[in-house]
Each structure stands twice: as structure tokens, then as C-alpha cells.
């Protein structure tokens, strides 16, 4: 019989140990997606595809704003001298 010392993998995938770091990573990822969409939009000859890219850029910018507000709320809610927990 195998005795597990850690939770099963699916359970670990839903656990966020460092929320601020995850939000920073998400902001970085969204910035990269936005830059990629700008590059694609600038190099396409298809007008419909161009406008789809611009819609994507707008959606990514809105998502970045939400993540930024979440980070600000977390900083306000959590004392700066205590480490983040779940």
C-alpha cells in the first residue's frame, strides 16, 4: 500500500500558495499576449483578422486592469510585513 505524504496532483493544481506571485505572473503573461497580438495585427493583410486582433488586445488590456486591481486589493487587505497564504 502506498502512503501519500502530499495531496494528490489534481488537488495540488487547485491550490494557490503565493497569490501575489501568481498575479504578477498573470500580468506578465497578459502583457506578452498583448504584444504578440500587436505584432500579428501589424503584419496582417486581412482586415477582418486585423480587427479581431484589436478586439483581443482590448480584452487583454481589460484583463490586465482586473489583475492589477486584484493586486492592489490584496496589498491593501494583507499587511505588507506578513507573507501571503492561500
PDB file of N, CA and C in Angstrom:
ATOM      1  N   UNK A   1       0.840  -1.181   0.000  1.00  0.00           N
ATOM      2  CA  UNK A   1       0.000   0.000   0.000  1.00  0.00           C
ATOM      3  C   UNK A   1       0.888   1.249   0.000  1.00  0.00           C
ATOM      4  N   UNK A   2       0.540   2.233  -0.842  1.00  0.00           N
ATOM      5  CA  UNK A   2       1.293   3.482  -0.951  1.00  0.00           C
ATOM      6  C   UNK A   2       0.659   4.525  -0.037  1.00  0.00           C
ATOM      7  N   UNK A   3       1.479   5.113   0.812  1.00  0.00           N
ATOM      8  CA  UNK A   3       1.002   6.185   1.697  1.00  0.00           C
ATOM      9  C   UNK A   3       1.503   7.504   1.122  1.00  0.00           C
ATOM     10  N   UNK A   4       0.573   8.372   0.795  1.00  0.00           N
ATOM     11  CA  UNK A   4       0.935   9.672   0.198  1.00  0.00           C
ATOM     12  C   UNK A   4       1.211  10.700   1.292  1.00  0.00           C
ATOM     13  N   UNK A   5       2.310  11.412   1.130  1.00  0.00           N
ATOM     14  CA  UNK A   5       2.625  12.479   2.062  1.00  0.00           C
ATOM     15  C   UNK A   5       2.127  13.824   1.550  1.00  0.00           C
ATOM     16  N   UNK A   6       1.881  13.908   0.268  1.00  0.00           N
ATOM     17  CA  UNK A   6       1.360  15.134  -0.327  1.00  0.00           C
ATOM     18  C   UNK A   6      -0.017  14.850  -0.894  1.00  0.00           C
ATOM     19  N   UNK A   7      -0.827  15.896  -1.061  1.00  0.00           N
ATOM     20  CA  UNK A   7      -2.143  15.679  -1.661  1.00  0.00           C
ATOM     21  C   UNK A   7      -2.002  15.183  -3.099  1.00  0.00           C
ATOM     22  N   UNK A   8      -3.024  14.507  -3.601  1.00  0.00           N
ATOM     23  CA  UNK A   8      -2.975  14.062  -4.999  1.00  0.00           C
ATOM     24  C   UNK A   8      -2.767  15.249  -5.941  1.00  0.00           C
ATOM     25  N   UNK A   9      -2.183  14.974  -7.089  1.00  0.00           N
ATOM     26  CA  UNK A   9      -1.839  16.036  -8.045  1.00  0.00           C
ATOM     27  C   UNK A   9      -3.017  16.936  -8.409  1.00  0.00           C
ATOM     28  N   UNK A  10      -4.196  16.395  -8.726  1.00  0.00           N
ATOM     29  CA  UNK A  10      -5.307  17.294  -9.074  1.00  0.00           C
ATOM     30  C   UNK A  10      -5.632  18.292  -7.957  1.00  0.00           C
ATOM     31  N   UNK A  11      -5.529  17.838  -6.730  1.00  0.00           N
ATOM     32  CA  UNK A  11      -5.798  18.728  -5.608  1.00  0.00           C
ATOM     33  C   UNK A  11      -4.734  19.829  -5.516  1.00  0.00           C
ATOM     34  N   UNK A  12      -3.490  19.469  -5.777  1.00  0.00           N
ATOM     35  CA  UNK A  12      -2.412  20.462  -5.730  1.00  0.00           C
ATOM     36  C   UNK A  12      -2.549  21.502  -6.824  1.00  0.00           C
ATOM     37  N   UNK A  13      -3.131  21.123  -7.971  1.00  0.00           N
ATOM     38  CA  UNK A  13      -3.285  22.062  -9.075  1.00  0.00           C
ATOM     39  C   UNK A  13      -4.249  23.193  -8.736  1.00  0.00           C
ATOM     40  N   UNK A  14      -5.151  22.970  -7.803  1.00  0.00           N
ATOM     41  CA  UNK A  14      -6.130  23.989  -7.442  1.00  0.00           C
ATOM     42  C   UNK A  14      -5.691  24.831  -6.255  1.00  0.00           C
ATOM     43  N   UNK A  15      -4.574  24.499  -5.670  1.00  0.00           N
ATOM     44  CA  UNK A  15      -4.089  25.226  -4.503  1.00  0.00           C
ATOM     45  C   UNK A  15      -3.130  26.332  -4.947  1.00  0.00           C
ATOM     46  N   UNK A  16      -3.386  27.544  -4.512  1.00  0.00           N
ATOM     47  CA  UNK A  16      -2.512  28.671  -4.835  1.00  0.00           C
ATOM     48  C   UNK A  16      -1.797  29.062  -3.549  1.00  0.00           C
ATOM     49  N   UNK A  17      -0.504  28.835  -3.527  1.00  0.00           N
ATOM     50  CA  UNK A  17       0.269  29.109  -2.309  1.00  0.00           C
ATOM     51  C   UNK A  17       0.754  30.549  -2.228  1.00  0.00           C
ATOM     52  N   UNK A  18       1.044  31.149  -3.363  1.00  0.00           N
ATOM     53  CA  UNK A  18       1.584  32.511  -3.373  1.00  0.00           C
ATOM     54  C   UNK A  18       0.758  33.356  -4.342  1.00  0.00           C
ATOM     55  N   UNK A  19      -0.348  33.864  -3.852  1.00  0.00           N
ATOM     56  CA  UNK A  19      -1.277  34.612  -4.699  1.00  0.00           C
ATOM     57  C   UNK A  19      -0.608  35.824  -5.345  1.00  0.00           C
ATOM     58  N   UNK A  20       0.140  36.645  -4.607  1.00  0.00           N
ATOM     59  CA  UNK A  20       0.779  37.794  -5.263  1.00  0.00           C
ATOM     60  C   UNK A  20       1.688  37.395  -6.419  1.00  0.00           C
ATOM     61  N   UNK A  21       2.455  36.335  -6.257  1.00  0.00           N
ATOM     62  CA  UNK A  21       3.348  35.893  -7.335  1.00  0.00           C
ATOM     63  C   UNK A  21       2.552  35.403  -8.540  1.00  0.00           C
ATOM     64  N   UNK A  22       1.450  34.731  -8.300  1.00  0.00           N
ATOM     65  CA  UNK A  22       0.615  34.257  -9.403  1.00  0.00           C
ATOM     66  C   UNK A  22       0.033  35.439 -10.167  1.00  0.00           C
ATOM     67  N   UNK A  23      -0.411  36.460  -9.450  1.00  0.00           N
ATOM     68  CA  UNK A  23      -0.976  37.636 -10.113  1.00  0.00           C
ATOM     69  C   UNK A  23       0.081  38.386 -10.915  1.00  0.00           C
ATOM     70  N   UNK A  24       1.292  38.476 -10.389  1.00  0.00           N
ATOM     71  CA  UNK A  24       2.386  39.113 -11.135  1.00  0.00           C
ATOM     72  C   UNK A  24       2.667  38.309 -12.407  1.00  0.00           C
ATOM     73  N   UNK A  25       2.725  36.999 -12.274  1.00  0.00           N
ATOM     74  CA  UNK A  25       2.957  36.153 -13.436  1.00  0.00           C
ATOM     75  C   UNK A  25       1.857  36.290 -14.475  1.00  0.00           C
ATOM     76  N   UNK A  26       0.620  36.386 -14.009  1.00  0.00           N
ATOM     77  CA  UNK A  26      -0.506  36.563 -14.925  1.00  0.00           C
ATOM     78  C   UNK A  26      -0.419  37.899 -15.646  1.00  0.00           C
ATOM     79  N   UNK A  27      -0.025  38.953 -14.922  1.00  0.00           N
ATOM     80  CA  UNK A  27       0.148  40.259 -15.560  1.00  0.00           C
ATOM     81  C   UNK A  27       1.226  40.208 -16.642  1.00  0.00           C
ATOM     82  N   UNK A  28       2.313  39.524 -16.352  1.00  0.00           N
ATOM     83  CA  UNK A  28       3.401  39.397 -17.329  1.00  0.00           C
ATOM     84  C   UNK A  28       2.915  38.624 -18.548  1.00  0.00           C
ATOM     85  N   UNK A  29       2.222  37.526 -18.322  1.00  0.00           N
ATOM     86  CA  UNK A  29       1.700  36.721 -19.428  1.00  0.00           C
ATOM     87  C   UNK A  29       0.738  37.533 -20.291  1.00  0.00           C
ATOM     88  N   UNK A  30      -0.149  38.289 -19.663  1.00  0.00           N
ATOM     89  CA  UNK A  30      -1.095  39.109 -20.420  1.00  0.00           C
ATOM     90  C   UNK A  30      -0.375  40.184 -21.223  1.00  0.00           C
ATOM     91  N   UNK A  31       0.680  40.748 -20.675  1.00  0.00           N
ATOM     92  CA  UNK A  31       1.472  41.741 -21.413  1.00  0.00           C
ATOM     93  C   UNK A  31       2.101  41.119 -22.656  1.00  0.00           C
ATOM     94  N   UNK A  32       2.610  39.904 -22.504  1.00  0.00           N
ATOM     95  CA  UNK A  32       3.220  39.221 -23.647  1.00  0.00           C
ATOM     96  C   UNK A  32       2.182  38.890 -24.718  1.00  0.00           C
ATOM     97  N   UNK A  33       0.987  38.492 -24.289  1.00  0.00           N
ATOM     98  CA  UNK A  33      -0.082  38.197 -25.241  1.00  0.00           C
ATOM     99  C   UNK A  33      -0.458  39.461 -26.000  1.00  0.00           C
ATOM    100  N   UNK A  34      -0.561  40.571 -25.284  1.00  0.00           N
ATOM    101  CA  UNK A  34      -0.903  41.838 -25.914  1.00  0.00           C
ATOM    102  C   UNK A  34       0.142  42.230 -26.965  1.00  0.00           C
ATOM    103  N   UNK A  35       1.409  42.102 -26.612  1.00  0.00           N
ATOM    104  CA  UNK A  35       2.479  42.431 -27.562  1.00  0.00           C
ATOM    105  C   UNK A  35       2.443  41.515 -28.784  1.00  0.00           C
ATOM    106  N   UNK A  36       2.161  40.251 -28.561  1.00  0.00           N
ATOM    107  CA  UNK A  36       2.073  39.313 -29.685  1.00  0.00           C
ATOM    108  C   UNK A  36       0.926  39.702 -30.611  1.00  0.00           C
ATOM    109  N   UNK A  37      -0.203  40.072 -30.038  1.00  0.00           N
ATOM    110  CA  UNK A  37      -1.346  40.473 -30.861  1.00  0.00           C
ATOM    111  C   UNK A  37      -1.052  41.749 -31.642  1.00  0.00           C
ATOM    112  N   UNK A  38      -0.331  42.672 -31.037  1.00  0.00           N
ATOM    113  CA  UNK A  38       0.060  43.893 -31.750  1.00  0.00           C
ATOM    114  C   UNK A  38       0.941  43.527 -32.943  1.00  0.00           C
ATOM    115  N   UNK A  39       1.896  42.638 -32.730  1.00  0.00           N
ATOM    116  CA  UNK A  39       2.772  42.216 -33.820  1.00  0.00           C
ATOM    117  C   UNK A  39       2.017  41.527 -34.943  1.00  0.00           C
ATOM    118  N   UNK A  40       1.072  40.678 -34.572  1.00  0.00           N
ATOM    119  CA  UNK A  40       0.275  39.985 -35.592  1.00  0.00           C
ATOM    120  C   UNK A  40      -0.580  40.981 -36.357  1.00  0.00           C
ATOM    121  N   UNK A  41      -1.237  41.889 -35.629  1.00  0.00           N
ATOM    122  CA  UNK A  41      -2.107  42.880 -36.276  1.00  0.00           C
ATOM    123  C   UNK A  41      -1.319  43.765 -37.236  1.00  0.00           C
ATOM    124  N   UNK A  42      -0.103  44.111 -36.848  1.00  0.00           N
ATOM    125  CA  UNK A  42       0.709  44.990 -37.678  1.00  0.00           C
ATOM    126  C   UNK A  42       1.196  44.309 -38.957  1.00  0.00           C
ATOM    127  N   UNK A  43       1.196  42.988 -38.960  1.00  0.00           N
ATOM    128  CA  UNK A  43       1.751  42.269 -40.104  1.00  0.00           C
ATOM    129  C   UNK A  43       0.720  41.490 -40.908  1.00  0.00           C
ATOM    130  N   UNK A  44      -0.551  41.753 -40.700  1.00  0.00           N
ATOM    131  CA  UNK A  44      -1.560  41.024 -41.460  1.00  0.00           C
ATOM    132  C   UNK A  44      -2.120  41.896 -42.580  1.00  0.00           C
ATOM    133  N   UNK A  45      -2.474  41.255 -43.658  1.00  0.00           N
ATOM    134  CA  UNK A  45      -3.117  41.953 -44.771  1.00  0.00           C
ATOM    135  C   UNK A  45      -4.631  41.773 -44.748  1.00  0.00           C
ATOM    136  N   UNK A  46      -5.097  40.899 -43.879  1.00  0.00           N
ATOM    137  CA  UNK A  46      -6.525  40.592 -43.779  1.00  0.00           C
ATOM    138  C   UNK A  46      -7.180  41.564 -42.796  1.00  0.00           C
ATOM    139  N   UNK A  47      -8.044  42.427 -43.313  1.00  0.00           N
ATOM    140  CA  UNK A  47      -8.658  43.463 -42.465  1.00  0.00           C
ATOM    141  C   UNK A  47      -9.508  42.851 -41.349  1.00  0.00           C
ATOM    142  N   UNK A  48     -10.216  41.781 -41.647  1.00  0.00           N
ATOM    143  CA  UNK A  48     -11.033  41.128 -40.621  1.00  0.00           C
ATOM    144  C   UNK A  48     -10.177  40.573 -39.493  1.00  0.00           C
ATOM    145  N   UNK A  49      -9.055  39.963 -39.870  1.00  0.00           N
ATOM    146  CA  UNK A  49      -8.142  39.417 -38.873  1.00  0.00           C
ATOM    147  C   UNK A  49      -7.521  40.545 -38.042  1.00  0.00           C
ATOM    148  N   UNK A  50      -7.209  41.650 -38.694  1.00  0.00           N
ATOM    149  CA  UNK A  50      -6.667  42.823 -38.004  1.00  0.00           C
ATOM    150  C   UNK A  50      -7.614  43.273 -36.895  1.00  0.00           C
ATOM    151  N   UNK A  51      -8.909  43.393 -37.230  1.00  0.00           N
ATOM    152  CA  UNK A  51      -9.878  43.860 -36.244  1.00  0.00           C
ATOM    153  C   UNK A  51     -10.080  42.840 -35.132  1.00  0.00           C
ATOM    154  N   UNK A  52      -9.979  41.567 -35.445  1.00  0.00           N
ATOM    155  CA  UNK A  52     -10.047  40.528 -34.403  1.00  0.00           C
ATOM    156  C   UNK A  52      -8.870  40.671 -33.436  1.00  0.00           C
ATOM    157  N   UNK A  53      -7.704  40.972 -33.970  1.00  0.00           N
ATOM    158  CA  UNK A  53      -6.532  41.192 -33.116  1.00  0.00           C
ATOM    159  C   UNK A  53      -6.747  42.393 -32.203  1.00  0.00           C
ATOM    160  N   UNK A  54      -7.305  43.470 -32.751  1.00  0.00           N
ATOM    161  CA  UNK A  54      -7.552  44.650 -31.929  1.00  0.00           C
ATOM    162  C   UNK A  54      -8.568  44.359 -30.834  1.00  0.00           C
ATOM    163  N   UNK A  55      -9.588  43.563 -31.148  1.00  0.00           N
ATOM    164  CA  UNK A  55     -10.547  43.166 -30.115  1.00  0.00           C
ATOM    165  C   UNK A  55      -9.849  42.341 -29.032  1.00  0.00           C
ATOM    166  N   UNK A  56      -8.951  41.476 -29.453  1.00  0.00           N
ATOM    167  CA  UNK A  56      -8.180  40.683 -28.497  1.00  0.00           C
ATOM    168  C   UNK A  56      -7.302  41.549 -27.619  1.00  0.00           C
ATOM    169  N   UNK A  57      -6.678  42.555 -28.212  1.00  0.00           N
ATOM    170  CA  UNK A  57      -5.834  43.482 -27.452  1.00  0.00           C
ATOM    171  C   UNK A  57      -6.676  44.206 -26.402  1.00  0.00           C
ATOM    172  N   UNK A  58      -7.856  44.665 -26.794  1.00  0.00           N
ATOM    173  CA  UNK A  58      -8.752  45.329 -25.836  1.00  0.00           C
ATOM    174  C   UNK A  58      -9.126  44.392 -24.701  1.00  0.00           C
ATOM    175  N   UNK A  59      -9.448  43.141 -25.016  1.00  0.00           N
ATOM    176  CA  UNK A  59      -9.833  42.167 -23.990  1.00  0.00           C
ATOM    177  C   UNK A  59      -8.669  41.894 -23.035  1.00  0.00           C
ATOM    178  N   UNK A  60      -7.468  41.770 -23.592  1.00  0.00           N
ATOM    179  CA  UNK A  60      -6.289  41.526 -22.761  1.00  0.00           C
ATOM    180  C   UNK A  60      -6.023  42.727 -21.859  1.00  0.00           C
ATOM    181  N   UNK A  61      -6.169  43.933 -22.391  1.00  0.00           N
ATOM    182  CA  UNK A  61      -5.958  45.127 -21.575  1.00  0.00           C
ATOM    183  C   UNK A  61      -6.964  45.201 -20.426  1.00  0.00           C
ATOM    184  N   UNK A  62      -8.201  44.840 -20.696  1.00  0.00           N
ATOM    185  CA  UNK A  62      -9.209  44.808 -19.633  1.00  0.00           C
ATOM    186  C   UNK A  62      -8.839  43.767 -18.575  1.00  0.00           C
ATOM    187  N   UNK A  63      -8.371  42.613 -19.014  1.00  0.00           N
ATOM    188  CA  UNK A  63      -7.970  41.569 -18.073  1.00  0.00           C
ATOM    189  C   UNK A  63      -6.777  42.031 -17.235  1.00  0.00           C
ATOM    190  N   UNK A  64      -5.825  42.717 -17.857  1.00  0.00           N
ATOM    191  CA  UNK A  64      -4.675  43.242 -17.102  1.00  0.00           C
ATOM    192  C   UNK A  64      -5.127  44.255 -16.067  1.00  0.00           C
ATOM    193  N   UNK A  65      -6.098  45.083 -16.410  1.00  0.00           N
ATOM    194  CA  UNK A  65      -6.631  46.044 -15.445  1.00  0.00           C
ATOM    195  C   UNK A  65      -7.253  45.334 -14.252  1.00  0.00           C
ATOM    196  N   UNK A  66      -7.985  44.262 -14.513  1.00  0.00           N
ATOM    197  CA  UNK A  66      -8.609  43.488 -13.433  1.00  0.00           C
ATOM    198  C   UNK A  66      -7.537  42.870 -12.540  1.00  0.00           C
ATOM    199  N   UNK A  67      -6.520  42.288 -13.137  1.00  0.00           N
ATOM    200  CA  UNK A  67      -5.437  41.677 -12.359  1.00  0.00           C
ATOM    201  C   UNK A  67      -4.724  42.741 -11.536  1.00  0.00           C
ATOM    202  N   UNK A  68      -4.496  43.906 -12.122  1.00  0.00           N
ATOM    203  CA  UNK A  68      -3.839  44.994 -11.399  1.00  0.00           C
ATOM    204  C   UNK A  68      -4.674  45.418 -10.192  1.00  0.00           C
ATOM    205  N   UNK A  69      -5.981  45.545 -10.373  1.00  0.00           N
ATOM    206  CA  UNK A  69      -6.862  45.904  -9.253  1.00  0.00           C
ATOM    207  C   UNK A  69      -6.860  44.813  -8.178  1.00  0.00           C
ATOM    208  N   UNK A  70      -6.789  43.566  -8.613  1.00  0.00           N
ATOM    209  CA  UNK A  70      -6.721  42.463  -7.643  1.00  0.00           C
ATOM    210  C   UNK A  70      -5.441  42.555  -6.813  1.00  0.00           C
ATOM    211  N   UNK A  71      -4.335  42.873  -7.472  1.00  0.00           N
ATOM    212  CA  UNK A  71      -3.062  43.023  -6.748  1.00  0.00           C
ATOM    213  C   UNK A  71      -3.135  44.172  -5.757  1.00  0.00           C
ATOM    214  N   UNK A  72      -3.721  45.280  -6.171  1.00  0.00           N
ATOM    215  CA  UNK A  72      -3.858  46.422  -5.269  1.00  0.00           C
ATOM    216  C   UNK A  72      -4.742  46.077  -4.081  1.00  0.00           C
ATOM    217  N   UNK A  73      -5.846  45.394  -4.336  1.00  0.00           N
ATOM    218  CA  UNK A  73      -6.742  44.993  -3.255  1.00  0.00           C
ATOM    219  C   UNK A  73      -6.041  44.055  -2.287  1.00  0.00           C
ATOM    220  N   UNK A  74      -5.265  43.142  -2.815  1.00  0.00           N
ATOM    221  CA  UNK A  74      -4.543  42.194  -1.981  1.00  0.00           C
ATOM    222  C   UNK A  74      -3.523  42.913  -1.106  1.00  0.00           C
ATOM    223  N   UNK A  75      -2.830  43.895  -1.678  1.00  0.00           N
ATOM    224  CA  UNK A  75      -1.846  44.654  -0.899  1.00  0.00           C
ATOM    225  C   UNK A  75      -2.523  45.460   0.201  1.00  0.00           C
ATOM    226  N   UNK A  76      -3.687  46.002  -0.090  1.00  0.00           N
ATOM    227  CA  UNK A  76      -4.428  46.771   0.902  1.00  0.00           C
ATOM    228  C   UNK A  76      -4.945  45.862   2.002  1.00  0.00           C
ATOM    229  N   UNK A  77      -5.423  44.686   1.609  1.00  0.00           N
ATOM    230  CA  UNK A  77      -6.015  43.757   2.545  1.00  0.00           C
ATOM    231  C   UNK A  77      -4.980  43.074   3.429  1.00  0.00           C
ATOM    232  N   UNK A  78      -3.834  42.774   2.860  1.00  0.00           N
ATOM    233  CA  UNK A  78      -2.809  41.999   3.546  1.00  0.00           C
ATOM    234  C   UNK A  78      -1.701  42.922   4.055  1.00  0.00           C
ATOM    235  N   UNK A  79      -1.361  42.850   5.339  1.00  0.00           N
ATOM    236  CA  UNK A  79      -0.243  43.661   5.825  1.00  0.00           C
ATOM    237  C   UNK A  79       1.033  43.328   5.053  1.00  0.00           C
ATOM    238  N   UNK A  80       1.816  44.340   4.740  1.00  0.00           N
ATOM    239  CA  UNK A  80       2.996  44.138   3.885  1.00  0.00           C
ATOM    240  C   UNK A  80       4.093  43.337   4.570  1.00  0.00           C
ATOM    241  N   UNK A  81       4.070  43.240   5.892  1.00  0.00           N
ATOM    242  CA  UNK A  81       5.143  42.532   6.574  1.00  0.00           C
ATOM    243  C   UNK A  81       4.829  41.050   6.812  1.00  0.00           C
ATOM    244  N   UNK A  82       3.672  40.571   6.351  1.00  0.00           N
ATOM    245  CA  UNK A  82       3.326  39.165   6.533  1.00  0.00           C
ATOM    246  C   UNK A  82       3.321  38.467   5.192  1.00  0.00           C
ATOM    247  N   UNK A  83       3.833  37.242   5.121  1.00  0.00           N
ATOM    248  CA  UNK A  83       3.827  36.505   3.863  1.00  0.00           C
ATOM    249  C   UNK A  83       2.403  36.133   3.463  1.00  0.00           C
ATOM    250  N   UNK A  84       2.212  35.977   2.178  1.00  0.00           N
ATOM    251  CA  UNK A  84       0.890  35.603   1.649  1.00  0.00           C
ATOM    252  C   UNK A  84       0.625  34.135   1.955  1.00  0.00           C
ATOM    253  N   UNK A  85      -0.634  33.840   2.217  1.00  0.00           N
ATOM    254  CA  UNK A  85      -1.078  32.461   2.381  1.00  0.00           C
ATOM    255  C   UNK A  85      -2.232  32.247   1.449  1.00  0.00           C
ATOM    256  N   UNK A  86      -2.707  31.001   1.334  1.00  0.00           N
ATOM    257  CA  UNK A  86      -3.762  30.634   0.380  1.00  0.00           C
ATOM    258  C   UNK A  86      -4.621  31.820   0.145  1.00  0.00           C
TER     259      UNK A  86
END
